[in-house]
Amino acid sequence: MRTHVNSVGLLVVSDPVLNFSYPAHIPRECIDALPSLPGIYIFRDAAGKPVYIGKSVNIRTRVLSHMRTTEEMQMLARAATIDFERTGGEIGALLRESELVKRHQPVFNSKLRRLREMCSISMGGRPSRDRLCTGSGLCAGRPAIWTVWQQKGGHRNAARRGSCT
């Protein structure tokens, strides 16, 4: 269907979804293999590197929706194949997507790529053993971690509010 003026004089605009065609550079087998089940999907470039990792309760429908939007043409242009991994449900897909995005740092996953440094306070029973820990270790092997913050100043803000004594 094309854009045209009908017999009553109204402009009829074609629906881009009706004009949809699969990207020619992505093998049709990749698309046909997608299940209508929960899991994660990975758009990979020609070298096999992930360019986008997503999750859905229906992998097939979600991947096809990426192919229907003009906003995602740049990502689709870089994609050569589509892989998927089934999960037990929505929460499993959410956790797996987060893990893979943090590991592979795909170009088009801007929101989940941030690696945050966490901070914690470890109370060792004596003031000389108490300390503020930062990084991925988070006082590993130290007893009685009381709380965790995303910013180093979090312990000061908590103390000011009276929630950390």
C-alpha atoms as a PDB file:
ATOM      1  CA  MET A   1       0.000   0.000   0.000  1.00  0.00           C
ATOM      2  CA  ARG A   2       1.340   3.435  -0.893  1.00  0.00           C
ATOM      3  CA  THR A   3       0.504   6.951   0.314  1.00  0.00           C
ATOM      4  CA  HIS A   4      -2.308   8.407  -1.821  1.00  0.00           C
ATOM      5  CA  VAL A   5      -5.456  10.544  -1.785  1.00  0.00           C
ATOM      6  CA  ASN A   6      -8.648   8.476  -1.743  1.00  0.00           C
ATOM      7  CA  SER A   7     -11.905   9.221  -3.603  1.00  0.00           C
ATOM      8  CA  VAL A   8     -13.229  11.383  -0.753  1.00  0.00           C
ATOM      9  CA  GLY A   9     -10.094  13.544  -0.733  1.00  0.00           C
ATOM     10  CA  LEU A  10      -8.489  12.094   2.402  1.00  0.00           C
ATOM     11  CA  LEU A  11      -4.773  11.382   2.499  1.00  0.00           C
ATOM     12  CA  VAL A  12      -4.146   7.685   3.102  1.00  0.00           C
ATOM     13  CA  VAL A  13      -0.689   7.019   4.538  1.00  0.00           C
ATOM     14  CA  SER A  14       0.757   3.547   4.172  1.00  0.00           C
ATOM     15  CA  ASP A  15       1.586   1.580   7.302  1.00  0.00           C
ATOM     16  CA  PRO A  16       5.351   0.843   7.459  1.00  0.00           C
ATOM     17  CA  VAL A  17       4.622  -2.502   9.133  1.00  0.00           C
ATOM     18  CA  LEU A  18       2.739  -3.637   6.036  1.00  0.00           C
ATOM     19  CA  ASN A  19       5.805  -2.807   3.912  1.00  0.00           C
ATOM     20  CA  PHE A  20       8.074  -4.848   6.184  1.00  0.00           C
ATOM     21  CA  SER A  21      10.719  -7.115   4.728  1.00  0.00           C
ATOM     22  CA  TYR A  22      13.406  -9.058   6.560  1.00  0.00           C
ATOM     23  CA  PRO A  23      16.932  -7.613   6.398  1.00  0.00           C
ATOM     24  CA  ALA A  24      18.614  -9.386   3.485  1.00  0.00           C
ATOM     25  CA  HIS A  25      22.035  -9.568   5.185  1.00  0.00           C
ATOM     26  CA  ILE A  26      20.732 -11.548   8.216  1.00  0.00           C
ATOM     27  CA  PRO A  27      20.267 -15.249   7.377  1.00  0.00           C
ATOM     28  CA  ARG A  28      16.605 -16.222   7.371  1.00  0.00           C
ATOM     29  CA  GLU A  29      17.488 -19.384   9.349  1.00  0.00           C
ATOM     30  CA  CYS A  30      18.485 -17.177  12.320  1.00  0.00           C
ATOM     31  CA  ILE A  31      15.050 -15.574  12.320  1.00  0.00           C
ATOM     32  CA  ASP A  32      13.126 -18.801  11.719  1.00  0.00           C
ATOM     33  CA  ALA A  33      14.886 -20.510  14.653  1.00  0.00           C
ATOM     34  CA  LEU A  34      13.732 -17.907  17.199  1.00  0.00           C
ATOM     35  CA  PRO A  35      11.301 -19.423  19.749  1.00  0.00           C
ATOM     36  CA  SER A  36       8.181 -17.762  21.153  1.00  0.00           C
ATOM     37  CA  LEU A  37       9.495 -18.397  24.666  1.00  0.00           C
ATOM     38  CA  PRO A  38      11.314 -16.341  27.343  1.00  0.00           C
ATOM     39  CA  GLY A  39      15.035 -15.753  27.079  1.00  0.00           C
ATOM     40  CA  ILE A  40      17.747 -13.494  25.737  1.00  0.00           C
ATOM     41  CA  TYR A  41      18.745 -12.739  22.154  1.00  0.00           C
ATOM     42  CA  ILE A  42      22.031 -11.463  20.777  1.00  0.00           C
ATOM     43  CA  PHE A  43      22.554  -9.487  17.583  1.00  0.00           C
ATOM     44  CA  ARG A  44      26.142 -10.233  16.483  1.00  0.00           C
ATOM     45  CA  ASP A  45      28.330  -8.532  13.896  1.00  0.00           C
ATOM     46  CA  ALA A  46      30.269 -10.359  11.152  1.00  0.00           C
ATOM     47  CA  ALA A  47      33.134 -11.054  13.584  1.00  0.00           C
ATOM     48  CA  GLY A  48      30.723 -12.659  16.070  1.00  0.00           C
ATOM     49  CA  LYS A  49      30.951  -9.797  18.574  1.00  0.00           C
ATOM     50  CA  PRO A  50      27.643  -8.832  20.243  1.00  0.00           C
ATOM     51  CA  VAL A  51      26.310  -5.440  19.118  1.00  0.00           C
ATOM     52  CA  TYR A  52      23.055  -5.704  21.120  1.00  0.00           C
ATOM     53  CA  ILE A  53      21.792  -8.074  23.816  1.00  0.00           C
ATOM     54  CA  GLY A  54      18.123  -8.079  24.762  1.00  0.00           C
ATOM     55  CA  LYS A  55      15.605 -10.064  26.776  1.00  0.00           C
ATOM     56  CA  SER A  56      11.952 -10.922  26.301  1.00  0.00           C
ATOM     57  CA  VAL A  57       9.174 -13.212  27.430  1.00  0.00           C
ATOM     58  CA  ASN A  58       8.672 -13.915  23.703  1.00  0.00           C
ATOM     59  CA  ILE A  59      12.040 -13.843  21.900  1.00  0.00           C
ATOM     60  CA  ARG A  60      10.601 -14.151  18.391  1.00  0.00           C
ATOM     61  CA  THR A  61       8.119 -11.283  18.718  1.00  0.00           C
ATOM     62  CA  ARG A  62      10.677  -8.975  20.322  1.00  0.00           C
ATOM     63  CA  VAL A  63      13.380  -9.599  17.720  1.00  0.00           C
ATOM     64  CA  LEU A  64      10.897  -9.042  14.889  1.00  0.00           C
ATOM     65  CA  SER A  65       9.819  -5.763  16.518  1.00  0.00           C
ATOM     66  CA  HIS A  66      13.450  -4.565  16.291  1.00  0.00           C
ATOM     67  CA  MET A  67      13.288  -5.116  12.543  1.00  0.00           C
ATOM     68  CA  ARG A  68      10.184  -2.957  12.116  1.00  0.00           C
ATOM     69  CA  THR A  69      11.485   0.301  13.586  1.00  0.00           C
ATOM     70  CA  THR A  70      13.489   2.881  11.691  1.00  0.00           C
ATOM     71  CA  GLU A  71      15.238   3.946  14.926  1.00  0.00           C
ATOM     72  CA  GLU A  72      17.088   0.641  15.051  1.00  0.00           C
ATOM     73  CA  MET A  73      18.332   0.563  11.457  1.00  0.00           C
ATOM     74  CA  GLN A  74      21.908   1.381  12.488  1.00  0.00           C
ATOM     75  CA  MET A  75      22.009  -1.567  14.876  1.00  0.00           C
ATOM     76  CA  LEU A  76      20.428  -3.868  12.290  1.00  0.00           C
ATOM     77  CA  ALA A  77      22.922  -2.740   9.647  1.00  0.00           C
ATOM     78  CA  ARG A  78      25.809  -3.910  11.870  1.00  0.00           C
ATOM     79  CA  ALA A  79      24.150  -7.216  12.801  1.00  0.00           C
ATOM     80  CA  ALA A  80      25.075 -10.295  10.770  1.00  0.00           C
ATOM     81  CA  THR A  81      23.439 -13.041  12.852  1.00  0.00           C
ATOM     82  CA  ILE A  82      20.984 -13.434  15.714  1.00  0.00           C
ATOM     83  CA  ASP A  83      21.526 -15.953  18.511  1.00  0.00           C
ATOM     84  CA  PHE A  84      19.243 -16.731  21.425  1.00  0.00           C
ATOM     85  CA  GLU A  85      19.340 -18.485  24.764  1.00  0.00           C
ATOM     86  CA  ARG A  86      16.183 -19.708  26.475  1.00  0.00           C
ATOM     87  CA  THR A  87      15.669 -19.040  30.174  1.00  0.00           C
ATOM     88  CA  GLY A  88      13.219 -20.335  32.749  1.00  0.00           C
ATOM     89  CA  GLY A  89      11.223 -17.110  32.738  1.00  0.00           C
ATOM     90  CA  GLU A  90      11.291 -13.325  32.739  1.00  0.00           C
ATOM     91  CA  ILE A  91      13.505 -12.965  35.819  1.00  0.00           C
ATOM     92  CA  GLY A  92      16.033 -15.451  34.465  1.00  0.00           C
ATOM     93  CA  ALA A  93      16.134 -13.496  31.193  1.00  0.00           C
ATOM     94  CA  LEU A  94      16.610 -10.216  33.067  1.00  0.00           C
ATOM     95  CA  LEU A  95      19.531 -11.582  35.089  1.00  0.00           C
ATOM     96  CA  ARG A  96      21.188 -13.276  32.107  1.00  0.00           C
ATOM     97  CA  GLU A  97      20.865 -10.150  29.958  1.00  0.00           C
ATOM     98  CA  SER A  98      22.440  -8.011  32.674  1.00  0.00           C
ATOM     99  CA  GLU A  99      25.318 -10.481  33.108  1.00  0.00           C
ATOM    100  CA  LEU A 100      26.058 -10.688  29.362  1.00  0.00           C
ATOM    101  CA  VAL A 101      25.820  -6.924  28.796  1.00  0.00           C
ATOM    102  CA  LYS A 102      28.282  -6.247  31.606  1.00  0.00           C
ATOM    103  CA  ARG A 103      30.651  -8.929  30.261  1.00  0.00           C
ATOM    104  CA  HIS A 104      30.538  -8.043  26.531  1.00  0.00           C
ATOM    105  CA  GLN A 105      29.726  -4.291  26.674  1.00  0.00           C
ATOM    106  CA  PRO A 106      27.755  -4.188  23.372  1.00  0.00           C
ATOM    107  CA  VAL A 107      27.722  -0.856  21.535  1.00  0.00           C
ATOM    108  CA  PHE A 108      23.924  -0.509  21.496  1.00  0.00           C
ATOM    109  CA  ASN A 109      23.271  -1.461  25.158  1.00  0.00           C
ATOM    110  CA  SER A 110      23.998   1.880  26.764  1.00  0.00           C
ATOM    111  CA  LYS A 111      21.851   1.606  29.922  1.00  0.00           C
ATOM    112  CA  LEU A 112      23.109  -1.721  31.289  1.00  0.00           C
ATOM    113  CA  ARG A 113      26.780  -1.239  30.361  1.00  0.00           C
ATOM    114  CA  ARG A 114      27.690   0.857  33.386  1.00  0.00           C
ATOM    115  CA  LEU A 115      29.774  -1.005  35.917  1.00  0.00           C
ATOM    116  CA  ARG A 116      29.170   0.601  39.272  1.00  0.00           C
ATOM    117  CA  GLU A 117      31.700   0.577  42.057  1.00  0.00           C
ATOM    118  CA  MET A 118      30.046  -0.463  45.278  1.00  0.00           C
ATOM    119  CA  CYS A 119      31.134   0.510  48.795  1.00  0.00           C
ATOM    120  CA  SER A 120      30.532  -1.149  52.145  1.00  0.00           C
ATOM    121  CA  ILE A 121      31.445  -0.868  55.793  1.00  0.00           C
ATOM    122  CA  SER A 122      32.926  -3.890  57.525  1.00  0.00           C
ATOM    123  CA  MET A 123      32.770  -3.959  61.300  1.00  0.00           C
ATOM    124  CA  GLY A 124      35.474  -6.186  62.757  1.00  0.00           C
ATOM    125  CA  GLY A 125      34.465  -5.945  66.415  1.00  0.00           C
ATOM    126  CA  ARG A 126      37.225  -3.475  67.290  1.00  0.00           C
ATOM    127  CA  PRO A 127      37.451   0.106  65.943  1.00  0.00           C
ATOM    128  CA  SER A 128      40.929  -0.617  64.573  1.00  0.00           C
ATOM    129  CA  ARG A 129      39.492  -3.366  62.357  1.00  0.00           C
ATOM    130  CA  ASP A 130      36.498  -1.370  61.000  1.00  0.00           C
ATOM    131  CA  ARG A 131      36.964  -0.134  57.464  1.00  0.00           C
ATOM    132  CA  LEU A 132      35.300   1.255  54.352  1.00  0.00           C
ATOM    133  CA  CYS A 133      35.702  -1.157  51.427  1.00  0.00           C
ATOM    134  CA  THR A 134      35.275  -0.322  47.749  1.00  0.00           C
ATOM    135  CA  GLY A 135      35.362  -2.281  44.528  1.00  0.00           C
ATOM    136  CA  SER A 136      34.176  -5.718  43.545  1.00  0.00           C
ATOM    137  CA  GLY A 137      35.689  -7.447  46.595  1.00  0.00           C
ATOM    138  CA  LEU A 138      33.447  -5.589  49.066  1.00  0.00           C
ATOM    139  CA  CYS A 139      35.401  -6.614  52.131  1.00  0.00           C
ATOM    140  CA  ALA A 140      35.503 -10.228  50.986  1.00  0.00           C
ATOM    141  CA  GLY A 141      36.291 -12.551  53.846  1.00  0.00           C
ATOM    142  CA  ARG A 142      35.668  -9.855  56.456  1.00  0.00           C
ATOM    143  CA  PRO A 143      32.941 -10.424  59.060  1.00  0.00           C
ATOM    144  CA  ALA A 144      29.757  -8.400  59.565  1.00  0.00           C
ATOM    145  CA  ILE A 145      29.268  -6.270  56.462  1.00  0.00           C
ATOM    146  CA  TRP A 146      26.601  -3.829  57.554  1.00  0.00           C
ATOM    147  CA  THR A 147      25.473  -2.195  54.322  1.00  0.00           C
ATOM    148  CA  VAL A 148      26.407  -1.412  50.721  1.00  0.00           C
ATOM    149  CA  TRP A 149      26.310   1.918  48.821  1.00  0.00           C
ATOM    150  CA  GLN A 150      26.806   2.917  45.207  1.00  0.00           C
ATOM    151  CA  GLN A 151      28.844   6.040  46.054  1.00  0.00           C
ATOM    152  CA  LYS A 152      31.831   6.357  48.349  1.00  0.00           C
ATOM    153  CA  GLY A 153      30.122   9.221  50.199  1.00  0.00           C
ATOM    154  CA  GLY A 154      27.080   7.061  50.936  1.00  0.00           C
ATOM    155  CA  HIS A 155      28.284   6.207  54.424  1.00  0.00           C
ATOM    156  CA  ARG A 156      28.618   9.916  55.288  1.00  0.00           C
ATOM    157  CA  ASN A 157      25.118  10.678  53.985  1.00  0.00           C
ATOM    158  CA  ALA A 158      23.702   7.740  55.969  1.00  0.00           C
ATOM    159  CA  ALA A 159      25.459   8.966  59.129  1.00  0.00           C
ATOM    160  CA  ARG A 160      24.018  12.479  58.638  1.00  0.00           C
ATOM    161  CA  ARG A 161      20.503  11.022  58.316  1.00  0.00           C
ATOM    162  CA  GLY A 162      21.038   8.917  61.436  1.00  0.00           C
ATOM    163  CA  SER A 163      20.726   5.576  59.670  1.00  0.00           C
ATOM    164  CA  CYS A 164      24.384   4.706  60.222  1.00  0.00           C
ATOM    165  CA  THR A 165      25.786   4.894  63.732  1.00  0.00           C
END
